[in-house]
Amino acid sequence: MEISQGKDILPGYNNHYTIREMVESLQNSSYKLCDFLNEKKKSRNNELKENIIHYLEENYTDSSLTMAAVSHKMRISEKYLCNFIKEQTGETFAVYLERIRIQHAKEYLITTNWSNEKVAEQTGFAAVNTFYRAFSKQTGVSPGIYRSSYQQYQKETINRNELQ
């Protein structure tokens, strides 16, 4: 019994089967059905995960982005989104979104001359204090120290390369 898009999972009736053979055939079919359903669920979960990640990456700058808005966009319940994000990432929705925002903030800090306030605004933080607190919590340093440390590292690298 080959499974082709969910067909032919259940055995056909054969009046020559003994009861034992019919039970074995039904057991094998039930295992195949479970495997088929698990694969379908995995592919749906992968698609949903990619859609959620893409949506968050595209909309992290929106300071009013909420789990309710994302769940509505994905056409799933907030509870399901909450559990799904936790299952897929090991993080809550808020922590995961904050991590995305901080990753982009780090990039802006080293590639632009924007003020910390502008970086906070561009990465979806509604308040600068929230940005400072989240950034320091994730990186262990303030945004200003992060930027100056990176600039110092670049100067040292340039100097080393000039000496060689």
N, C-alpha and C. Protein backbone atom coordinates (compact mmCIF):
# COMPACT_ATOMS: atom_id res chain seq x y z
N MET A 1 0.83 -1.19 0.00
CA MET A 1 0.00 0.00 0.00
C MET A 1 0.87 1.25 0.00
N GLU A 2 0.96 1.89 -1.10
CA GLU A 2 1.74 3.12 -1.23
C GLU A 2 0.83 4.32 -0.98
N ILE A 3 1.33 5.28 -0.20
CA ILE A 3 0.55 6.48 0.07
C ILE A 3 0.88 7.50 -0.99
N SER A 4 -0.12 7.86 -1.77
CA SER A 4 0.08 8.91 -2.76
C SER A 4 -0.93 10.00 -2.48
N GLN A 5 -0.44 11.06 -1.84
CA GLN A 5 -1.26 12.20 -1.46
C GLN A 5 -2.46 11.79 -0.61
N GLY A 6 -2.24 10.84 0.30
CA GLY A 6 -3.27 10.47 1.26
C GLY A 6 -4.22 9.40 0.76
N LYS A 7 -4.05 8.91 -0.45
CA LYS A 7 -4.92 7.88 -1.00
C LYS A 7 -4.35 6.51 -0.68
N ASP A 8 -5.18 5.51 -0.76
CA ASP A 8 -4.76 4.11 -0.59
C ASP A 8 -4.16 3.83 0.77
N ILE A 9 -4.59 4.54 1.79
CA ILE A 9 -4.07 4.27 3.13
C ILE A 9 -4.84 3.12 3.75
N LEU A 10 -6.14 3.10 3.56
CA LEU A 10 -6.95 2.04 4.14
C LEU A 10 -6.94 0.83 3.22
N PRO A 11 -6.87 -0.36 3.81
CA PRO A 11 -6.83 -1.57 2.97
C PRO A 11 -8.20 -1.84 2.35
N GLY A 12 -8.18 -2.44 1.21
CA GLY A 12 -9.43 -2.87 0.60
C GLY A 12 -9.90 -4.16 1.27
N TYR A 13 -11.14 -4.43 1.17
CA TYR A 13 -11.69 -5.64 1.76
C TYR A 13 -11.33 -6.84 0.90
N ASN A 14 -10.85 -7.88 1.57
CA ASN A 14 -10.52 -9.12 0.88
C ASN A 14 -11.15 -10.24 1.69
N ASN A 15 -12.10 -10.96 1.09
CA ASN A 15 -12.80 -12.00 1.85
C ASN A 15 -11.93 -13.23 2.11
N HIS A 16 -10.71 -13.26 1.58
CA HIS A 16 -9.81 -14.39 1.83
C HIS A 16 -8.91 -14.15 3.05
N TYR A 17 -8.95 -12.93 3.60
CA TYR A 17 -8.15 -12.62 4.79
C TYR A 17 -8.72 -13.34 6.00
N THR A 18 -7.80 -13.79 6.85
CA THR A 18 -8.23 -14.26 8.16
C THR A 18 -8.43 -13.03 9.03
N ILE A 19 -9.01 -13.23 10.17
CA ILE A 19 -9.21 -12.10 11.08
C ILE A 19 -7.86 -11.51 11.46
N ARG A 20 -6.89 -12.34 11.74
CA ARG A 20 -5.54 -11.87 12.11
C ARG A 20 -4.94 -11.04 10.98
N GLU A 21 -5.06 -11.50 9.74
CA GLU A 21 -4.52 -10.76 8.60
C GLU A 21 -5.22 -9.41 8.43
N MET A 22 -6.54 -9.41 8.64
CA MET A 22 -7.28 -8.15 8.52
C MET A 22 -6.87 -7.17 9.61
N VAL A 23 -6.67 -7.65 10.85
CA VAL A 23 -6.23 -6.80 11.95
C VAL A 23 -4.85 -6.24 11.65
N GLU A 24 -3.93 -7.10 11.17
CA GLU A 24 -2.59 -6.63 10.82
C GLU A 24 -2.64 -5.59 9.70
N SER A 25 -3.49 -5.82 8.73
CA SER A 25 -3.63 -4.89 7.64
C SER A 25 -4.16 -3.54 8.14
N LEU A 26 -5.15 -3.57 9.02
CA LEU A 26 -5.67 -2.34 9.59
C LEU A 26 -4.63 -1.63 10.45
N GLN A 27 -3.84 -2.39 11.21
CA GLN A 27 -2.77 -1.78 12.02
C GLN A 27 -1.76 -1.09 11.13
N ASN A 28 -1.32 -1.77 10.09
CA ASN A 28 -0.35 -1.17 9.16
C ASN A 28 -0.91 0.09 8.53
N SER A 29 -2.18 0.02 8.17
CA SER A 29 -2.81 1.20 7.58
C SER A 29 -2.88 2.35 8.57
N SER A 30 -3.19 2.05 9.82
CA SER A 30 -3.27 3.12 10.82
C SER A 30 -1.90 3.75 11.05
N TYR A 31 -0.83 2.95 11.03
CA TYR A 31 0.52 3.52 11.17
C TYR A 31 0.84 4.44 9.98
N LYS A 32 0.50 3.98 8.79
CA LYS A 32 0.74 4.80 7.60
C LYS A 32 -0.07 6.08 7.64
N LEU A 33 -1.31 5.98 8.10
CA LEU A 33 -2.15 7.17 8.21
C LEU A 33 -1.57 8.17 9.20
N CYS A 34 -1.09 7.67 10.35
CA CYS A 34 -0.47 8.56 11.35
C CYS A 34 0.77 9.22 10.77
N ASP A 35 1.61 8.46 10.08
CA ASP A 35 2.81 9.02 9.46
C ASP A 35 2.44 10.09 8.43
N PHE A 36 1.43 9.79 7.63
CA PHE A 36 0.97 10.73 6.61
C PHE A 36 0.49 12.03 7.25
N LEU A 37 -0.33 11.92 8.29
CA LEU A 37 -0.85 13.10 8.97
C LEU A 37 0.25 13.90 9.64
N ASN A 38 1.23 13.22 10.23
CA ASN A 38 2.36 13.93 10.85
C ASN A 38 3.16 14.70 9.81
N GLU A 39 3.37 14.11 8.65
CA GLU A 39 4.10 14.81 7.58
C GLU A 39 3.33 16.02 7.09
N LYS A 40 2.02 15.88 6.96
CA LYS A 40 1.19 17.02 6.55
C LYS A 40 1.27 18.14 7.58
N LYS A 41 1.22 17.75 8.86
CA LYS A 41 1.28 18.75 9.93
C LYS A 41 2.64 19.45 9.90
N LYS A 42 3.72 18.68 9.71
CA LYS A 42 5.05 19.29 9.67
C LYS A 42 5.16 20.29 8.53
N SER A 43 4.67 19.91 7.35
CA SER A 43 4.79 20.82 6.22
C SER A 43 3.93 22.07 6.45
N ARG A 44 2.76 21.90 7.05
CA ARG A 44 1.91 23.06 7.37
C ARG A 44 2.61 23.93 8.40
N ASN A 45 3.23 23.29 9.41
CA ASN A 45 3.93 24.05 10.44
C ASN A 45 5.12 24.80 9.86
N ASN A 46 5.85 24.18 8.95
CA ASN A 46 6.99 24.86 8.32
C ASN A 46 6.51 26.07 7.52
N GLU A 47 5.42 25.89 6.80
CA GLU A 47 4.88 27.00 6.01
C GLU A 47 4.40 28.12 6.94
N LEU A 48 3.70 27.76 7.99
CA LEU A 48 3.23 28.76 8.95
C LEU A 48 4.39 29.47 9.62
N LYS A 49 5.40 28.72 10.01
CA LYS A 49 6.58 29.30 10.65
C LYS A 49 7.25 30.31 9.71
N GLU A 50 7.44 29.94 8.46
CA GLU A 50 8.05 30.84 7.49
C GLU A 50 7.20 32.10 7.29
N ASN A 51 5.88 31.92 7.23
CA ASN A 51 4.99 33.07 7.07
C ASN A 51 5.06 34.02 8.26
N ILE A 52 5.10 33.46 9.45
CA ILE A 52 5.18 34.29 10.66
C ILE A 52 6.51 35.03 10.71
N ILE A 53 7.60 34.31 10.47
CA ILE A 53 8.93 34.93 10.50
C ILE A 53 9.00 36.05 9.46
N HIS A 54 8.52 35.76 8.27
CA HIS A 54 8.54 36.78 7.19
C HIS A 54 7.72 38.00 7.60
N TYR A 55 6.55 37.76 8.15
CA TYR A 55 5.68 38.87 8.56
C TYR A 55 6.36 39.71 9.64
N LEU A 56 6.97 39.07 10.62
CA LEU A 56 7.64 39.81 11.69
C LEU A 56 8.84 40.58 11.16
N GLU A 57 9.59 39.97 10.25
CA GLU A 57 10.75 40.64 9.65
C GLU A 57 10.32 41.86 8.83
N GLU A 58 9.17 41.77 8.19
CA GLU A 58 8.67 42.87 7.38
C GLU A 58 8.03 43.98 8.21
N ASN A 59 7.55 43.65 9.41
CA ASN A 59 6.75 44.60 10.17
C ASN A 59 7.30 44.93 11.55
N TYR A 60 8.54 44.54 11.85
CA TYR A 60 9.12 44.78 13.17
C TYR A 60 9.21 46.27 13.50
N THR A 61 9.21 47.11 12.48
CA THR A 61 9.33 48.56 12.71
C THR A 61 8.04 49.18 13.26
N ASP A 62 6.96 48.46 13.18
CA ASP A 62 5.67 48.94 13.67
C ASP A 62 5.61 48.79 15.19
N SER A 63 5.65 49.89 15.90
CA SER A 63 5.67 49.82 17.37
C SER A 63 4.35 49.32 17.94
N SER A 64 3.30 49.32 17.13
CA SER A 64 2.01 48.82 17.61
C SER A 64 1.77 47.36 17.21
N LEU A 65 2.79 46.69 16.69
CA LEU A 65 2.66 45.29 16.30
C LEU A 65 2.40 44.43 17.54
N THR A 66 1.32 43.68 17.50
CA THR A 66 0.94 42.85 18.65
C THR A 66 0.70 41.42 18.20
N MET A 67 0.62 40.55 19.18
CA MET A 67 0.30 39.16 18.91
C MET A 67 -1.09 39.06 18.29
N ALA A 68 -2.01 39.91 18.72
CA ALA A 68 -3.36 39.91 18.16
C ALA A 68 -3.34 40.24 16.67
N ALA A 69 -2.55 41.22 16.30
CA ALA A 69 -2.45 41.61 14.89
C ALA A 69 -1.85 40.49 14.04
N VAL A 70 -0.80 39.87 14.56
CA VAL A 70 -0.14 38.78 13.81
C VAL A 70 -1.07 37.58 13.70
N SER A 71 -1.72 37.22 14.79
CA SER A 71 -2.63 36.07 14.74
C SER A 71 -3.78 36.33 13.77
N HIS A 72 -4.28 37.55 13.76
CA HIS A 72 -5.34 37.91 12.81
C HIS A 72 -4.83 37.77 11.37
N LYS A 73 -3.65 38.28 11.11
CA LYS A 73 -3.06 38.22 9.77
C LYS A 73 -2.82 36.77 9.33
N MET A 74 -2.41 35.92 10.28
CA MET A 74 -2.11 34.52 9.96
C MET A 74 -3.35 33.63 9.99
N ARG A 75 -4.46 34.23 10.43
CA ARG A 75 -5.74 33.51 10.54
C ARG A 75 -5.66 32.33 11.51
N ILE A 76 -5.03 32.61 12.65
CA ILE A 76 -4.97 31.62 13.73
C ILE A 76 -5.29 32.35 15.03
N SER A 77 -5.60 31.60 16.06
CA SER A 77 -5.93 32.23 17.33
C SER A 77 -4.66 32.74 18.01
N GLU A 78 -4.83 33.70 18.90
CA GLU A 78 -3.69 34.22 19.66
C GLU A 78 -3.05 33.11 20.48
N LYS A 79 -3.88 32.29 21.08
CA LYS A 79 -3.37 31.19 21.91
C LYS A 79 -2.52 30.23 21.07
N TYR A 80 -3.01 29.90 19.88
CA TYR A 80 -2.26 29.01 19.00
C TYR A 80 -0.94 29.67 18.59
N LEU A 81 -0.98 30.95 18.25
CA LEU A 81 0.25 31.67 17.87
C LEU A 81 1.23 31.67 19.03
N CYS A 82 0.74 31.96 20.20
CA CYS A 82 1.59 31.99 21.40
C CYS A 82 2.27 30.64 21.60
N ASN A 83 1.49 29.57 21.56
CA ASN A 83 2.04 28.22 21.74
C ASN A 83 2.96 27.83 20.59
N PHE A 84 2.59 28.20 19.38
CA PHE A 84 3.37 27.85 18.20
C PHE A 84 4.75 28.51 18.23
N ILE A 85 4.78 29.80 18.54
CA ILE A 85 6.06 30.52 18.61
C ILE A 85 6.95 29.90 19.68
N LYS A 86 6.36 29.61 20.83
CA LYS A 86 7.12 29.02 21.93
C LYS A 86 7.67 27.66 21.52
N GLU A 87 6.84 26.85 20.85
CA GLU A 87 7.26 25.52 20.41
C GLU A 87 8.38 25.61 19.37
N GLN A 88 8.25 26.54 18.43
CA GLN A 88 9.20 26.64 17.32
C GLN A 88 10.51 27.33 17.69
N THR A 89 10.45 28.30 18.61
CA THR A 89 11.64 29.10 18.90
C THR A 89 12.16 28.94 20.32
N GLY A 90 11.32 28.43 21.20
CA GLY A 90 11.70 28.34 22.61
C GLY A 90 11.53 29.68 23.33
N GLU A 91 10.97 30.66 22.63
CA GLU A 91 10.79 32.00 23.19
C GLU A 91 9.33 32.41 23.10
N THR A 92 8.95 33.35 23.95
CA THR A 92 7.61 33.90 23.83
C THR A 92 7.56 34.82 22.62
N PHE A 93 6.36 35.18 22.21
CA PHE A 93 6.19 36.09 21.08
C PHE A 93 6.93 37.40 21.33
N ALA A 94 6.74 37.97 22.52
CA ALA A 94 7.35 39.27 22.84
C ALA A 94 8.87 39.20 22.81
N VAL A 95 9.43 38.14 23.36
CA VAL A 95 10.89 37.98 23.39
C VAL A 95 11.42 37.79 21.97
N TYR A 96 10.73 37.00 21.18
CA TYR A 96 11.16 36.75 19.81
C TYR A 96 11.14 38.04 18.99
N LEU A 97 10.05 38.80 19.10
CA LEU A 97 9.95 40.08 18.37
C LEU A 97 11.02 41.05 18.85
N GLU A 98 11.24 41.09 20.14
CA GLU A 98 12.28 41.98 20.68
C GLU A 98 13.66 41.58 20.15
N ARG A 99 13.92 40.29 20.03
CA ARG A 99 15.22 39.83 19.50
C ARG A 99 15.40 40.29 18.06
N ILE A 100 14.34 40.20 17.26
CA ILE A 100 14.41 40.68 15.87
C ILE A 100 14.73 42.18 15.86
N ARG A 101 14.04 42.92 16.69
CA ARG A 101 14.26 44.37 16.74
C ARG A 101 15.68 44.72 17.18
N ILE A 102 16.20 44.02 18.15
CA ILE A 102 17.57 44.28 18.63
C ILE A 102 18.60 43.91 17.56
N GLN A 103 18.37 42.82 16.83
CA GLN A 103 19.29 42.46 15.74
C GLN A 103 19.38 43.59 14.73
N HIS A 104 18.24 44.14 14.37
CA HIS A 104 18.24 45.26 13.41
C HIS A 104 18.85 46.52 14.04
N ALA A 105 18.60 46.75 15.31
CA ALA A 105 19.17 47.91 16.00
C ALA A 105 20.70 47.82 15.99
N LYS A 106 21.23 46.64 16.24
CA LYS A 106 22.70 46.47 16.21
C LYS A 106 23.26 46.81 14.83
N GLU A 107 22.54 46.37 13.81
CA GLU A 107 22.97 46.68 12.44
C GLU A 107 22.94 48.19 12.19
N TYR A 108 21.88 48.84 12.60
CA TYR A 108 21.78 50.29 12.41
C TYR A 108 22.85 51.04 13.20
N LEU A 109 23.15 50.57 14.38
CA LEU A 109 24.15 51.25 15.21
C LEU A 109 25.53 51.23 14.57
N ILE A 110 25.84 50.16 13.85
CA ILE A 110 27.18 50.08 13.25
C ILE A 110 27.23 50.54 11.80
N THR A 111 26.06 50.71 11.15
CA THR A 111 26.09 51.10 9.74
C THR A 111 25.56 52.50 9.48
N THR A 112 25.03 53.15 10.52
CA THR A 112 24.51 54.51 10.34
C THR A 112 25.06 55.42 11.44
N ASN A 113 24.83 56.69 11.26
CA ASN A 113 25.17 57.67 12.31
C ASN A 113 23.90 58.13 13.04
N TRP A 114 22.84 57.37 12.94
CA TRP A 114 21.59 57.73 13.57
C TRP A 114 21.75 57.84 15.07
N SER A 115 20.98 58.71 15.66
CA SER A 115 20.94 58.82 17.12
C SER A 115 20.27 57.56 17.67
N ASN A 116 20.48 57.31 18.96
CA ASN A 116 19.83 56.16 19.60
C ASN A 116 18.31 56.29 19.52
N GLU A 117 17.82 57.51 19.58
CA GLU A 117 16.38 57.74 19.49
C GLU A 117 15.85 57.33 18.12
N LYS A 118 16.60 57.67 17.08
CA LYS A 118 16.20 57.31 15.71
C LYS A 118 16.26 55.79 15.52
N VAL A 119 17.30 55.15 16.06
CA VAL A 119 17.42 53.70 15.97
C VAL A 119 16.23 53.04 16.67
N ALA A 120 15.90 53.54 17.85
CA ALA A 120 14.76 53.00 18.60
C ALA A 120 13.48 53.12 17.78
N GLU A 121 13.28 54.29 17.20
CA GLU A 121 12.08 54.52 16.39
C GLU A 121 12.04 53.60 15.18
N GLN A 122 13.17 53.45 14.49
CA GLN A 122 13.23 52.65 13.27
C GLN A 122 13.13 51.14 13.53
N THR A 123 13.31 50.74 14.77
CA THR A 123 13.23 49.31 15.08
C THR A 123 11.97 48.95 15.85
N GLY A 124 11.03 49.88 15.93
CA GLY A 124 9.73 49.55 16.47
C GLY A 124 9.56 49.72 17.97
N PHE A 125 10.52 50.35 18.62
CA PHE A 125 10.38 50.59 20.05
C PHE A 125 9.61 51.90 20.24
N ALA A 126 8.53 51.81 20.99
CA ALA A 126 7.66 52.97 21.18
C ALA A 126 8.32 54.01 22.09
N ALA A 127 9.20 53.56 22.99
CA ALA A 127 9.87 54.48 23.92
C ALA A 127 11.36 54.20 23.92
N VAL A 128 12.14 55.26 23.96
CA VAL A 128 13.60 55.12 23.97
C VAL A 128 14.07 54.35 25.21
N ASN A 129 13.44 54.60 26.35
CA ASN A 129 13.83 53.88 27.57
C ASN A 129 13.64 52.38 27.41
N THR A 130 12.57 51.98 26.75
CA THR A 130 12.33 50.55 26.50
C THR A 130 13.43 49.99 25.61
N PHE A 131 13.83 50.76 24.61
CA PHE A 131 14.92 50.35 23.72
C PHE A 131 16.21 50.16 24.51
N TYR A 132 16.57 51.14 25.32
CA TYR A 132 17.80 51.04 26.12
C TYR A 132 17.77 49.80 27.01
N ARG A 133 16.65 49.60 27.68
CA ARG A 133 16.53 48.48 28.61
C ARG A 133 16.64 47.14 27.86
N ALA A 134 15.92 47.00 26.75
CA ALA A 134 15.93 45.76 25.97
C ALA A 134 17.31 45.51 25.36
N PHE A 135 17.92 46.57 24.83
CA PHE A 135 19.23 46.42 24.20
C PHE A 135 20.26 45.98 25.23
N SER A 136 20.28 46.63 26.37
CA SER A 136 21.25 46.30 27.42
C SER A 136 21.03 44.89 27.95
N LYS A 137 19.77 44.50 28.06
CA LYS A 137 19.45 43.16 28.55
C LYS A 137 19.98 42.09 27.59
N GLN A 138 19.82 42.32 26.29
CA GLN A 138 20.22 41.31 25.31
C GLN A 138 21.73 41.32 25.01
N THR A 139 22.35 42.48 25.03
CA THR A 139 23.75 42.56 24.63
C THR A 139 24.71 42.71 25.80
N GLY A 140 24.20 43.17 26.93
CA GLY A 140 25.05 43.39 28.09
C GLY A 140 25.68 44.77 28.12
N VAL A 141 25.43 45.57 27.08
CA VAL A 141 25.97 46.94 27.04
C VAL A 141 24.90 47.88 26.49
N SER A 142 25.09 49.16 26.71
CA SER A 142 24.15 50.15 26.18
C SER A 142 24.38 50.31 24.67
N PRO A 143 23.41 50.88 23.96
CA PRO A 143 23.60 51.11 22.52
C PRO A 143 24.82 51.97 22.22
N GLY A 144 25.06 53.01 23.04
CA GLY A 144 26.21 53.88 22.82
C GLY A 144 27.53 53.13 22.97
N ILE A 145 27.63 52.31 23.99
CA ILE A 145 28.86 51.53 24.19
C ILE A 145 29.03 50.50 23.08
N TYR A 146 27.92 49.91 22.63
CA TYR A 146 27.98 48.94 21.53
C TYR A 146 28.56 49.60 20.28
N ARG A 147 28.04 50.78 19.96
CA ARG A 147 28.50 51.51 18.77
C ARG A 147 29.98 51.90 18.91
N SER A 148 30.35 52.47 20.06
CA SER A 148 31.74 52.92 20.22
C SER A 148 32.70 51.74 20.27
N SER A 149 32.28 50.62 20.84
CA SER A 149 33.13 49.42 20.85
C SER A 149 33.37 48.92 19.44
N TYR A 150 32.33 48.93 18.62
CA TYR A 150 32.48 48.49 17.25
C TYR A 150 33.39 49.44 16.47
N GLN A 151 33.23 50.72 16.67
CA GLN A 151 34.08 51.70 15.99
C GLN A 151 35.53 51.54 16.41
N GLN A 152 35.76 51.30 17.70
CA GLN A 152 37.11 51.08 18.20
C GLN A 152 37.71 49.82 17.58
N TYR A 153 36.93 48.78 17.49
CA TYR A 153 37.38 47.53 16.88
C TYR A 153 37.77 47.76 15.42
N GLN A 154 36.97 48.53 14.70
CA GLN A 154 37.28 48.81 13.30
C GLN A 154 38.58 49.59 13.17
N LYS A 155 38.80 50.59 14.04
CA LYS A 155 40.04 51.37 14.00
C LYS A 155 41.24 50.47 14.25
N GLU A 156 41.13 49.60 15.23
CA GLU A 156 42.23 48.68 15.55
C GLU A 156 42.50 47.73 14.40
N THR A 157 41.46 47.27 13.73
CA THR A 157 41.63 46.38 12.59
C THR A 157 42.31 47.10 11.44
N ILE A 158 41.91 48.34 11.18
CA ILE A 158 42.54 49.13 10.12
C ILE A 158 44.01 49.38 10.45
N ASN A 159 44.30 49.73 11.69
CA ASN A 159 45.69 49.96 12.10
C ASN A 159 46.54 48.70 11.94
N ARG A 160 46.00 47.55 12.33
CA ARG A 160 46.74 46.28 12.18
C ARG A 160 47.01 45.99 10.73
N ASN A 161 46.02 46.24 9.87
CA ASN A 161 46.19 45.97 8.45
C ASN A 161 47.21 46.92 7.82
N GLU A 162 47.28 48.15 8.30
CA GLU A 162 48.25 49.11 7.77
C GLU A 162 49.66 48.73 8.18
N LEU A 163 49.82 48.12 9.35
CA LEU A 163 51.14 47.72 9.82
C LEU A 163 51.67 46.50 9.09
N GLN A 164 50.81 45.73 8.53
CA GLN A 164 51.24 44.49 7.85
C GLN A 164 51.70 44.70 6.48
